[in-house]
C-alpha cells in the first residue's frame, strides 16, 4: 500500500510502529517488555479489554510478563495488517504451551493456537489506544481436549 490522502500511514509504517509490542509478546519472559512497550506506545497509552476498562502501558507490561511466566514459549505472529487513516487493524495468531494454570485450565502439556484482533489508534508515530479481542475460549478448549 502506498500513502495517499485517505491513509495517514502505510501498512509498512503500521508494521514498524506495532513491531515492538508484538516482539514483547514473543517469549515475554525473556524480554525487557517495559522497554519494548515504551518504544511502541505513547506514555498515556490505554489498552482496552472492555468498552470502558483499560490497562496503562505499565500495567500491560505486567500482564505480558505474567503471561511469559505462564506460557514461556508464547509466540504472537502478525498475520495481516489493514490501515485506515490513523488506525490499524492487526490480525494475529497466538500459540503456546502453558506450564501454569491458564484461564482456569491446568497445565497438561498441550498447546493452543488461537486468533487475535487488535485495533490501534496511532498518534505521533506511536500507539495511543488499543482495543483487543483474543479467542481464549478456543484456546482453553484446545488445552482441555
N, C-alpha and C. Protein backbone atom coordinates (compact mmCIF):
# COMPACT_ATOMS: atom_id res chain seq x y z
N UNK A 1 0.84 -1.18 0.00
CA UNK A 1 0.00 0.00 0.00
C UNK A 1 0.89 1.24 0.00
N UNK A 2 0.49 2.24 -0.71
CA UNK A 2 1.23 3.49 -0.71
C UNK A 2 0.43 4.54 0.04
N UNK A 3 1.14 5.53 0.50
CA UNK A 3 0.49 6.60 1.24
C UNK A 3 -0.40 7.39 0.30
N UNK A 4 -1.58 7.76 0.78
CA UNK A 4 -2.49 8.56 -0.02
C UNK A 4 -3.20 9.53 0.92
N UNK A 5 -4.03 10.37 0.35
CA UNK A 5 -4.80 11.29 1.18
C UNK A 5 -5.74 10.54 2.10
N UNK A 6 -6.16 9.34 1.73
CA UNK A 6 -7.10 8.57 2.54
C UNK A 6 -6.40 7.85 3.69
N UNK A 7 -5.11 7.69 3.62
CA UNK A 7 -4.39 6.92 4.63
C UNK A 7 -3.22 7.73 5.17
N UNK A 8 -3.15 7.85 6.51
CA UNK A 8 -2.08 8.60 7.14
C UNK A 8 -0.80 7.79 7.25
N UNK A 9 -0.90 6.47 7.13
CA UNK A 9 0.30 5.63 7.22
C UNK A 9 0.14 4.45 6.29
N UNK A 10 1.25 3.91 5.89
CA UNK A 10 1.25 2.72 5.05
C UNK A 10 1.21 1.48 5.95
N UNK A 11 0.96 0.35 5.35
CA UNK A 11 1.00 -0.92 6.08
C UNK A 11 2.40 -1.13 6.64
N UNK A 12 3.40 -0.77 5.86
CA UNK A 12 4.79 -0.93 6.33
C UNK A 12 5.05 -0.07 7.56
N UNK A 13 4.54 1.16 7.55
CA UNK A 13 4.70 2.02 8.73
C UNK A 13 3.95 1.45 9.92
N UNK A 14 2.75 0.94 9.70
CA UNK A 14 1.97 0.34 10.78
C UNK A 14 2.71 -0.86 11.36
N UNK A 15 3.29 -1.66 10.49
CA UNK A 15 4.06 -2.83 10.95
C UNK A 15 5.26 -2.38 11.80
N UNK A 16 5.95 -1.35 11.36
CA UNK A 16 7.11 -0.83 12.10
C UNK A 16 6.69 -0.27 13.47
N UNK A 17 5.59 0.48 13.49
CA UNK A 17 5.10 1.09 14.74
C UNK A 17 4.70 0.02 15.74
N UNK A 18 4.00 -1.00 15.29
CA UNK A 18 3.47 -2.03 16.20
C UNK A 18 4.48 -3.13 16.51
N UNK A 19 5.56 -3.22 15.74
CA UNK A 19 6.51 -4.33 15.89
C UNK A 19 7.05 -4.51 17.31
N UNK A 20 7.44 -3.45 18.04
CA UNK A 20 7.95 -3.68 19.39
C UNK A 20 6.91 -4.30 20.34
N UNK A 21 5.64 -3.93 20.17
CA UNK A 21 4.59 -4.53 21.01
C UNK A 21 4.51 -6.03 20.76
N UNK A 22 4.51 -6.43 19.50
CA UNK A 22 4.41 -7.86 19.20
C UNK A 22 5.71 -8.59 19.55
N UNK A 23 6.83 -7.91 19.45
CA UNK A 23 8.09 -8.51 19.91
C UNK A 23 8.01 -8.81 21.41
N UNK A 24 7.37 -7.91 22.15
CA UNK A 24 7.20 -8.11 23.60
C UNK A 24 6.33 -9.32 23.91
N UNK A 25 5.47 -9.71 22.98
CA UNK A 25 4.58 -10.86 23.19
C UNK A 25 5.21 -12.19 22.77
N UNK A 26 6.39 -12.16 22.22
CA UNK A 26 7.08 -13.39 21.83
C UNK A 26 8.08 -13.74 22.92
N UNK A 27 7.77 -14.80 23.67
CA UNK A 27 8.59 -15.21 24.82
C UNK A 27 8.85 -14.02 25.74
N UNK A 28 7.78 -13.40 26.27
CA UNK A 28 7.95 -12.18 27.06
C UNK A 28 8.79 -12.36 28.32
N UNK A 29 8.90 -13.58 28.82
CA UNK A 29 9.73 -13.82 29.99
C UNK A 29 11.21 -13.60 29.72
N UNK A 30 11.59 -13.53 28.46
CA UNK A 30 12.99 -13.38 28.07
C UNK A 30 13.31 -11.97 27.58
N UNK A 31 12.34 -11.05 27.67
CA UNK A 31 12.50 -9.72 27.08
C UNK A 31 12.37 -8.63 28.14
N UNK A 32 12.86 -7.44 27.79
CA UNK A 32 12.57 -6.25 28.57
C UNK A 32 11.27 -5.68 28.01
N UNK A 33 10.17 -6.21 28.50
CA UNK A 33 8.84 -5.88 27.98
C UNK A 33 8.54 -4.39 28.15
N UNK A 34 8.89 -3.84 29.30
CA UNK A 34 8.62 -2.42 29.54
C UNK A 34 9.31 -1.54 28.51
N UNK A 35 10.54 -1.86 28.18
CA UNK A 35 11.28 -1.08 27.18
C UNK A 35 10.66 -1.21 25.79
N UNK A 36 10.26 -2.42 25.43
CA UNK A 36 9.63 -2.63 24.12
C UNK A 36 8.31 -1.88 24.02
N UNK A 37 7.51 -1.92 25.08
CA UNK A 37 6.23 -1.19 25.05
C UNK A 37 6.46 0.32 25.03
N UNK A 38 7.51 0.80 25.69
CA UNK A 38 7.82 2.23 25.64
C UNK A 38 8.20 2.66 24.22
N UNK A 39 8.83 1.76 23.46
CA UNK A 39 9.16 2.07 22.06
C UNK A 39 7.90 2.16 21.21
N UNK A 40 6.94 1.28 21.48
CA UNK A 40 5.75 1.18 20.63
C UNK A 40 4.63 2.14 21.02
N UNK A 41 4.51 2.42 22.32
CA UNK A 41 3.31 3.08 22.85
C UNK A 41 3.61 4.43 23.46
N UNK A 42 2.69 5.36 23.29
CA UNK A 42 2.79 6.65 23.96
C UNK A 42 2.74 6.46 25.47
N UNK A 43 3.24 7.46 26.20
CA UNK A 43 3.26 7.39 27.66
C UNK A 43 1.87 7.20 28.25
N UNK A 44 0.86 7.80 27.61
CA UNK A 44 -0.51 7.71 28.11
C UNK A 44 -1.33 6.64 27.38
N UNK A 45 -0.66 5.63 26.85
CA UNK A 45 -1.32 4.54 26.12
C UNK A 45 -2.37 3.86 27.00
N UNK A 46 -3.50 3.53 26.40
CA UNK A 46 -4.56 2.76 27.05
C UNK A 46 -4.84 1.52 26.22
N UNK A 47 -4.83 0.37 26.88
CA UNK A 47 -5.12 -0.92 26.25
C UNK A 47 -6.48 -1.39 26.76
N UNK A 48 -7.50 -1.25 25.93
CA UNK A 48 -8.87 -1.57 26.35
C UNK A 48 -9.16 -3.06 26.19
N UNK A 49 -9.71 -3.65 27.26
CA UNK A 49 -10.15 -5.04 27.21
C UNK A 49 -11.66 -5.14 27.38
N UNK A 50 -12.32 -4.04 27.68
CA UNK A 50 -13.78 -3.91 27.60
C UNK A 50 -14.04 -2.52 27.02
N UNK A 51 -15.30 -2.16 26.92
CA UNK A 51 -15.64 -0.85 26.37
C UNK A 51 -15.06 0.28 27.22
N UNK A 52 -15.05 0.10 28.56
CA UNK A 52 -14.62 1.17 29.45
C UNK A 52 -13.33 0.88 30.21
N UNK A 53 -12.99 -0.39 30.39
CA UNK A 53 -11.84 -0.74 31.23
C UNK A 53 -10.58 -0.87 30.38
N UNK A 54 -9.51 -0.31 30.89
CA UNK A 54 -8.25 -0.35 30.16
C UNK A 54 -7.09 -0.55 31.12
N UNK A 55 -5.96 -0.92 30.53
CA UNK A 55 -4.70 -1.01 31.25
C UNK A 55 -3.78 0.10 30.73
N UNK A 56 -2.98 0.65 31.63
CA UNK A 56 -1.95 1.59 31.20
C UNK A 56 -0.81 0.81 30.57
N UNK A 57 0.13 1.52 30.01
CA UNK A 57 1.29 0.86 29.40
C UNK A 57 2.06 0.04 30.44
N UNK A 58 2.25 0.58 31.63
CA UNK A 58 2.96 -0.15 32.67
C UNK A 58 2.18 -1.37 33.15
N UNK A 59 0.86 -1.23 33.28
CA UNK A 59 0.04 -2.38 33.67
C UNK A 59 0.07 -3.45 32.59
N UNK A 60 0.06 -3.04 31.33
CA UNK A 60 0.11 -4.00 30.24
C UNK A 60 1.44 -4.76 30.26
N UNK A 61 2.53 -4.07 30.58
CA UNK A 61 3.83 -4.73 30.68
C UNK A 61 3.78 -5.83 31.75
N UNK A 62 3.12 -5.55 32.87
CA UNK A 62 2.99 -6.56 33.93
C UNK A 62 2.19 -7.77 33.45
N UNK A 63 1.14 -7.52 32.67
CA UNK A 63 0.33 -8.62 32.12
C UNK A 63 1.17 -9.47 31.17
N UNK A 64 1.92 -8.83 30.29
CA UNK A 64 2.78 -9.56 29.35
C UNK A 64 3.80 -10.42 30.11
N UNK A 65 4.40 -9.84 31.15
CA UNK A 65 5.39 -10.58 31.95
C UNK A 65 4.75 -11.80 32.60
N UNK A 66 3.54 -11.62 33.16
CA UNK A 66 2.84 -12.75 33.79
C UNK A 66 2.51 -13.82 32.76
N UNK A 67 2.11 -13.40 31.55
CA UNK A 67 1.84 -14.38 30.50
C UNK A 67 3.11 -15.15 30.15
N UNK A 68 4.24 -14.47 30.17
CA UNK A 68 5.51 -15.14 29.89
C UNK A 68 5.87 -16.18 30.93
N UNK A 69 5.48 -15.95 32.18
CA UNK A 69 5.72 -16.93 33.23
C UNK A 69 4.80 -18.14 33.06
N UNK A 70 3.58 -17.89 32.63
CA UNK A 70 2.59 -18.95 32.47
C UNK A 70 2.78 -19.72 31.16
N UNK A 71 3.13 -19.00 30.10
CA UNK A 71 3.32 -19.60 28.77
C UNK A 71 4.71 -19.17 28.27
N UNK A 72 5.77 -19.83 28.74
CA UNK A 72 7.13 -19.39 28.39
C UNK A 72 7.43 -19.37 26.90
N UNK A 73 6.78 -20.24 26.13
CA UNK A 73 7.04 -20.29 24.69
C UNK A 73 6.01 -19.49 23.89
N UNK A 74 5.31 -18.57 24.55
CA UNK A 74 4.29 -17.77 23.87
C UNK A 74 4.86 -17.15 22.60
N UNK A 75 4.14 -17.33 21.51
CA UNK A 75 4.52 -16.74 20.22
C UNK A 75 3.31 -16.00 19.66
N UNK A 76 3.54 -14.82 19.16
CA UNK A 76 2.47 -14.00 18.61
C UNK A 76 2.89 -13.57 17.22
N UNK A 77 2.20 -14.09 16.21
CA UNK A 77 2.54 -13.79 14.82
C UNK A 77 1.54 -12.80 14.24
N UNK A 78 2.05 -11.76 13.61
CA UNK A 78 1.20 -10.83 12.89
C UNK A 78 0.91 -11.46 11.53
N UNK A 79 -0.37 -11.72 11.28
CA UNK A 79 -0.79 -12.37 10.04
C UNK A 79 -1.17 -11.35 8.97
N UNK A 80 -1.80 -10.26 9.40
CA UNK A 80 -2.33 -9.30 8.44
C UNK A 80 -2.49 -7.95 9.12
N UNK A 81 -2.26 -6.88 8.39
CA UNK A 81 -2.47 -5.53 8.90
C UNK A 81 -3.25 -4.73 7.87
N UNK A 82 -4.27 -4.03 8.34
CA UNK A 82 -5.03 -3.11 7.49
C UNK A 82 -4.95 -1.73 8.12
N UNK A 83 -4.84 -0.70 7.29
CA UNK A 83 -4.68 0.67 7.77
C UNK A 83 -5.80 1.54 7.21
N UNK A 84 -6.39 2.34 8.09
CA UNK A 84 -7.36 3.36 7.69
C UNK A 84 -7.06 4.61 8.51
N UNK A 85 -6.69 5.66 7.83
CA UNK A 85 -6.36 6.93 8.49
C UNK A 85 -5.31 6.70 9.58
N UNK A 86 -5.65 7.05 10.84
CA UNK A 86 -4.69 6.91 11.93
C UNK A 86 -4.92 5.62 12.72
N UNK A 87 -5.61 4.66 12.10
CA UNK A 87 -5.91 3.40 12.77
C UNK A 87 -5.34 2.23 11.99
N UNK A 88 -4.98 1.18 12.75
CA UNK A 88 -4.57 -0.07 12.12
C UNK A 88 -5.33 -1.21 12.78
N UNK A 89 -5.67 -2.19 11.97
CA UNK A 89 -6.27 -3.44 12.45
C UNK A 89 -5.25 -4.53 12.20
N UNK A 90 -4.90 -5.24 13.27
CA UNK A 90 -3.89 -6.30 13.17
C UNK A 90 -4.55 -7.63 13.49
N UNK A 91 -4.48 -8.55 12.53
CA UNK A 91 -4.95 -9.91 12.77
C UNK A 91 -3.73 -10.74 13.10
N UNK A 92 -3.80 -11.39 14.23
CA UNK A 92 -2.66 -12.17 14.68
C UNK A 92 -3.04 -13.56 15.11
N UNK A 93 -2.01 -14.35 15.37
CA UNK A 93 -2.20 -15.72 15.85
C UNK A 93 -1.27 -15.93 17.04
N UNK A 94 -1.85 -16.40 18.13
CA UNK A 94 -1.08 -16.68 19.34
C UNK A 94 -1.00 -18.19 19.54
N UNK A 95 0.20 -18.65 19.91
CA UNK A 95 0.41 -20.07 20.19
C UNK A 95 1.25 -20.19 21.45
N UNK A 96 1.10 -21.33 22.11
CA UNK A 96 1.93 -21.57 23.28
C UNK A 96 1.49 -22.79 24.05
N UNK A 97 2.32 -23.17 25.02
CA UNK A 97 2.07 -24.32 25.88
C UNK A 97 2.18 -23.85 27.33
N UNK A 98 1.06 -23.69 28.02
CA UNK A 98 1.11 -23.23 29.41
C UNK A 98 1.81 -24.23 30.33
N UNK A 99 2.59 -23.68 31.27
CA UNK A 99 3.24 -24.51 32.29
C UNK A 99 2.63 -24.26 33.67
N UNK A 100 1.71 -23.29 33.73
CA UNK A 100 0.95 -22.98 34.94
C UNK A 100 -0.52 -22.89 34.54
N UNK A 101 -1.39 -22.77 35.55
CA UNK A 101 -2.82 -22.62 35.25
C UNK A 101 -3.01 -21.42 34.32
N UNK A 102 -3.83 -21.63 33.29
CA UNK A 102 -4.05 -20.62 32.25
C UNK A 102 -5.54 -20.45 32.05
N UNK A 103 -6.07 -19.31 32.46
CA UNK A 103 -7.50 -19.03 32.36
C UNK A 103 -8.33 -20.18 32.96
N UNK A 104 -7.87 -20.72 34.06
CA UNK A 104 -8.59 -21.78 34.76
C UNK A 104 -8.26 -23.19 34.30
N UNK A 105 -7.48 -23.33 33.24
CA UNK A 105 -7.11 -24.65 32.73
C UNK A 105 -5.75 -25.06 33.32
N UNK A 106 -5.73 -26.24 33.93
CA UNK A 106 -4.48 -26.76 34.48
C UNK A 106 -3.52 -27.11 33.35
N UNK A 107 -2.21 -26.98 33.57
CA UNK A 107 -1.25 -27.35 32.52
C UNK A 107 -1.29 -28.85 32.26
N UNK A 108 -1.34 -29.20 30.98
CA UNK A 108 -1.43 -30.61 30.58
C UNK A 108 -0.32 -30.99 29.61
N UNK A 109 0.49 -30.03 29.21
CA UNK A 109 1.48 -30.27 28.16
C UNK A 109 0.94 -30.00 26.77
N UNK A 110 -0.37 -29.74 26.68
CA UNK A 110 -0.98 -29.42 25.39
C UNK A 110 -0.77 -27.94 25.06
N UNK A 111 -0.80 -27.65 23.79
CA UNK A 111 -0.61 -26.29 23.30
C UNK A 111 -1.91 -25.73 22.76
N UNK A 112 -1.94 -24.42 22.59
CA UNK A 112 -3.08 -23.75 21.97
C UNK A 112 -2.61 -22.97 20.76
N UNK A 113 -3.56 -22.71 19.86
CA UNK A 113 -3.37 -21.83 18.69
C UNK A 113 -4.69 -21.09 18.54
N UNK A 114 -4.64 -19.77 18.63
CA UNK A 114 -5.87 -19.00 18.58
C UNK A 114 -5.65 -17.68 17.86
N UNK A 115 -6.75 -17.03 17.50
CA UNK A 115 -6.71 -15.79 16.74
C UNK A 115 -6.87 -14.60 17.67
N UNK A 116 -6.28 -13.49 17.26
CA UNK A 116 -6.43 -12.22 17.98
C UNK A 116 -6.65 -11.11 16.96
N UNK A 117 -7.47 -10.15 17.36
CA UNK A 117 -7.70 -8.96 16.55
C UNK A 117 -7.38 -7.75 17.42
N UNK A 118 -6.53 -6.88 16.95
CA UNK A 118 -6.18 -5.66 17.66
C UNK A 118 -6.50 -4.47 16.77
N UNK A 119 -7.11 -3.46 17.35
CA UNK A 119 -7.38 -2.21 16.65
C UNK A 119 -6.62 -1.12 17.41
N UNK A 120 -5.69 -0.48 16.73
CA UNK A 120 -4.87 0.55 17.36
C UNK A 120 -5.11 1.90 16.72
N UNK A 121 -5.06 2.95 17.53
CA UNK A 121 -5.01 4.32 17.06
C UNK A 121 -3.58 4.81 17.24
N UNK A 122 -3.06 5.49 16.23
CA UNK A 122 -1.68 5.97 16.26
C UNK A 122 -1.67 7.49 16.41
N UNK A 123 -0.78 7.96 17.28
CA UNK A 123 -0.58 9.40 17.47
C UNK A 123 0.92 9.66 17.59
N UNK A 124 1.42 10.59 16.82
CA UNK A 124 2.84 10.96 16.87
C UNK A 124 3.76 9.76 16.64
N UNK A 125 3.36 8.87 15.74
CA UNK A 125 4.21 7.75 15.36
C UNK A 125 4.26 6.60 16.35
N UNK A 126 3.40 6.62 17.37
CA UNK A 126 3.34 5.52 18.34
C UNK A 126 1.88 5.19 18.65
N UNK A 127 1.69 4.04 19.25
CA UNK A 127 0.34 3.59 19.58
C UNK A 127 -0.23 4.44 20.71
N UNK A 128 -1.47 4.92 20.52
CA UNK A 128 -2.14 5.76 21.52
C UNK A 128 -3.21 4.98 22.26
N UNK A 129 -3.98 4.17 21.54
CA UNK A 129 -5.05 3.36 22.12
C UNK A 129 -5.04 2.01 21.44
N UNK A 130 -5.42 0.99 22.19
CA UNK A 130 -5.55 -0.35 21.64
C UNK A 130 -6.81 -1.01 22.14
N UNK A 131 -7.48 -1.72 21.26
CA UNK A 131 -8.69 -2.48 21.60
C UNK A 131 -8.42 -3.91 21.16
N UNK A 132 -8.55 -4.85 22.09
CA UNK A 132 -8.08 -6.21 21.84
C UNK A 132 -9.18 -7.25 22.01
N UNK A 133 -9.20 -8.20 21.10
CA UNK A 133 -10.07 -9.38 21.23
C UNK A 133 -9.22 -10.60 20.92
N UNK A 134 -9.12 -11.48 21.89
CA UNK A 134 -8.43 -12.76 21.70
C UNK A 134 -9.44 -13.87 21.93
N UNK A 135 -9.36 -14.93 21.18
CA UNK A 135 -10.29 -16.04 21.30
C UNK A 135 -9.77 -17.06 22.33
N UNK A 136 -9.75 -16.62 23.60
CA UNK A 136 -9.22 -17.50 24.66
C UNK A 136 -10.12 -18.70 24.90
N UNK A 137 -11.42 -18.61 24.60
CA UNK A 137 -12.32 -19.76 24.79
C UNK A 137 -11.85 -20.94 23.93
N UNK A 138 -11.48 -20.67 22.69
CA UNK A 138 -10.97 -21.74 21.82
C UNK A 138 -9.65 -22.28 22.35
N UNK A 139 -8.79 -21.40 22.84
CA UNK A 139 -7.51 -21.86 23.39
C UNK A 139 -7.74 -22.80 24.57
N UNK A 140 -8.67 -22.46 25.44
CA UNK A 140 -8.97 -23.31 26.61
C UNK A 140 -9.54 -24.65 26.15
N UNK A 141 -10.41 -24.64 25.14
CA UNK A 141 -10.94 -25.90 24.61
C UNK A 141 -9.81 -26.79 24.11
N UNK A 142 -8.86 -26.21 23.42
CA UNK A 142 -7.72 -26.99 22.91
C UNK A 142 -6.90 -27.57 24.05
N UNK A 143 -6.72 -26.81 25.12
CA UNK A 143 -5.93 -27.29 26.26
C UNK A 143 -6.64 -28.40 27.02
N UNK A 144 -7.97 -28.35 27.02
CA UNK A 144 -8.76 -29.34 27.77
C UNK A 144 -9.19 -30.52 26.92
N UNK A 145 -8.89 -30.51 25.62
CA UNK A 145 -9.35 -31.59 24.72
C UNK A 145 -8.63 -32.89 25.02
